[in-house]
Amino acid sequence: METTQRDVDTYQIIGAAMAVHRALGHGFLEAVYREGLRVEFEHRGVLFHPEVPLPISYKGVTLPVGYRVDFICCGAVLVEVKALDALTNRETSQLLNYLKASNIRRGLLLNFGADSLQHKRLVCGY
């Protein structure tokens, strides 16, 4: 079965990211791509919440530190935007930690820093 049939949400998100990368190219800061994605998500009707806080708990206690994910899309996909030469294990680990902290299973890393858009889909807990 193709990815487009299995996971329509991530397919739509990646399509929006490709449109942003096509229009802007590489070389901007992450903030520019995040704002471009906001516009593209709205244009395509992709439901999203930007800059969502992710509290971190330890043994049932919420710690006084936390993270902020770039987007939660379609109610069930964490989206983290990068503008790097290439994705590394560090970014993958970051997204896995966000997935654990949020109890959301699907996540996308979108890297706008390379000549063509790089994306990595992660699924946690299966």
Protein backbone atom coordinates (compact mmCIF):
# COMPACT_ATOMS: atom_id res chain seq x y z
CA MET A 1 0.00 0.00 0.00
CA GLU A 2 1.37 3.45 -0.87
CA THR A 3 2.15 6.07 1.76
CA THR A 4 -0.49 8.35 0.24
CA GLN A 5 -3.19 5.81 1.01
CA ARG A 6 -1.88 4.86 4.46
CA ASP A 7 -1.21 8.31 5.86
CA VAL A 8 -3.08 11.11 4.15
CA ASP A 9 -2.15 13.58 6.92
CA THR A 10 1.63 13.34 6.50
CA TYR A 11 1.23 13.28 2.71
CA GLN A 12 -0.63 16.63 2.85
CA ILE A 13 1.94 18.14 5.23
CA ILE A 14 4.89 17.06 3.07
CA GLY A 15 3.13 18.42 -0.02
CA ALA A 16 2.71 21.79 1.68
CA ALA A 17 6.38 21.76 2.71
CA MET A 18 7.44 20.98 -0.86
CA ALA A 19 5.44 23.97 -2.10
CA VAL A 20 7.12 26.24 0.44
CA HIS A 21 10.58 24.93 -0.48
CA ARG A 22 9.86 25.33 -4.19
CA ALA A 23 8.82 28.95 -3.66
CA LEU A 24 11.51 30.01 -1.16
CA GLY A 25 14.41 27.69 -1.91
CA HIS A 26 17.03 27.06 0.75
CA GLY A 27 19.07 29.54 2.77
CA PHE A 28 16.51 31.25 5.01
CA LEU A 29 16.23 30.83 8.77
CA GLU A 30 13.78 28.30 10.22
CA ALA A 31 11.38 31.07 11.21
CA VAL A 32 10.83 32.01 7.55
CA TYR A 33 9.89 28.44 6.64
CA ARG A 34 7.58 28.13 9.68
CA GLU A 35 5.71 31.25 8.58
CA GLY A 36 5.59 29.99 4.98
CA LEU A 37 4.12 26.71 6.23
CA ARG A 38 1.45 28.58 8.20
CA VAL A 39 0.35 30.30 5.00
CA GLU A 40 0.49 27.08 2.96
CA PHE A 41 -1.39 25.06 5.60
CA GLU A 42 -4.14 27.68 5.65
CA HIS A 43 -4.25 27.76 1.84
CA ARG A 44 -4.58 23.96 1.67
CA GLY A 45 -6.99 23.60 4.58
CA VAL A 46 -4.55 21.61 6.74
CA LEU A 47 -5.62 21.97 10.37
CA PHE A 48 -2.71 23.05 12.56
CA HIS A 49 -1.69 24.58 15.87
CA PRO A 50 1.62 26.47 15.83
CA GLU A 51 4.28 26.50 18.55
CA VAL A 52 2.56 24.11 20.92
CA PRO A 53 4.12 23.80 24.40
CA LEU A 54 5.13 20.28 25.45
CA PRO A 55 5.40 19.94 29.22
CA ILE A 56 7.81 17.27 30.49
CA SER A 57 6.89 15.02 33.43
CA TYR A 58 9.07 12.89 35.65
CA LYS A 59 7.45 10.40 38.05
CA GLY A 60 4.16 12.24 37.77
CA VAL A 61 5.65 15.67 38.45
CA THR A 62 5.59 18.30 35.71
CA LEU A 63 9.09 19.73 35.46
CA PRO A 64 9.63 23.51 35.33
CA VAL A 65 11.21 23.10 31.87
CA GLY A 66 9.57 22.03 28.66
CA TYR A 67 9.73 22.18 24.91
CA ARG A 68 7.76 23.79 22.13
CA VAL A 69 7.01 21.90 18.92
CA ASP A 70 6.70 23.93 15.72
CA PHE A 71 3.29 22.52 14.72
CA ILE A 72 0.75 19.90 15.60
CA CYS A 73 -1.16 19.19 12.41
CA CYS A 74 -4.40 17.30 11.84
CA GLY A 75 -4.63 16.79 15.62
CA ALA A 76 -2.16 13.91 15.48
CA VAL A 77 1.12 14.78 13.71
CA LEU A 78 4.02 16.67 15.31
CA VAL A 79 5.93 18.74 12.77
CA GLU A 80 9.41 20.05 13.49
CA VAL A 81 10.98 22.49 11.01
CA LYS A 82 14.73 22.71 10.41
CA ALA A 83 16.98 24.72 8.10
CA LEU A 84 20.19 22.68 8.19
CA ASP A 85 22.63 21.37 5.60
CA ALA A 86 21.39 17.85 6.47
CA LEU A 87 19.35 16.09 9.15
CA THR A 88 21.34 14.21 11.80
CA ASN A 89 20.61 11.80 14.64
CA ARG A 90 20.29 14.83 16.94
CA GLU A 91 17.15 16.08 15.16
CA THR A 92 15.72 12.55 15.02
CA SER A 93 16.27 12.16 18.77
CA GLN A 94 14.66 15.54 19.41
CA LEU A 95 11.51 14.54 17.53
CA LEU A 96 11.37 11.14 19.26
CA ASN A 97 11.53 12.90 22.63
CA TYR A 98 8.74 15.26 21.55
CA LEU A 99 6.63 12.26 20.54
CA LYS A 100 7.19 10.62 23.93
CA ALA A 101 6.41 13.82 25.82
CA SER A 102 3.21 14.47 23.88
CA ASN A 103 1.89 10.89 23.60
CA ILE A 104 1.44 11.57 19.88
CA ARG A 105 2.61 8.73 17.67
CA ARG A 106 3.45 10.36 14.33
CA GLY A 107 6.02 13.03 13.65
CA LEU A 108 7.67 14.72 10.69
CA LEU A 109 11.05 16.40 10.44
CA LEU A 110 11.07 18.89 7.59
CA ASN A 111 14.46 20.25 6.55
CA PHE A 112 14.44 23.26 4.25
CA GLY A 113 18.21 23.88 4.39
CA ALA A 114 19.23 21.49 1.61
CA ASP A 115 18.92 21.95 -2.16
CA SER A 116 15.69 19.92 -2.08
CA LEU A 117 13.31 19.43 0.82
CA GLN A 118 14.32 16.64 3.19
CA HIS A 119 11.64 14.96 5.25
CA LYS A 120 11.69 12.15 7.76
CA ARG A 121 8.58 10.47 9.12
CA LEU A 122 8.79 8.89 12.57
CA VAL A 123 6.28 6.67 14.29
CA CYS A 124 6.62 6.01 18.02
CA GLY A 125 4.91 3.32 20.06
CA TYR A 126 3.98 0.69 17.51
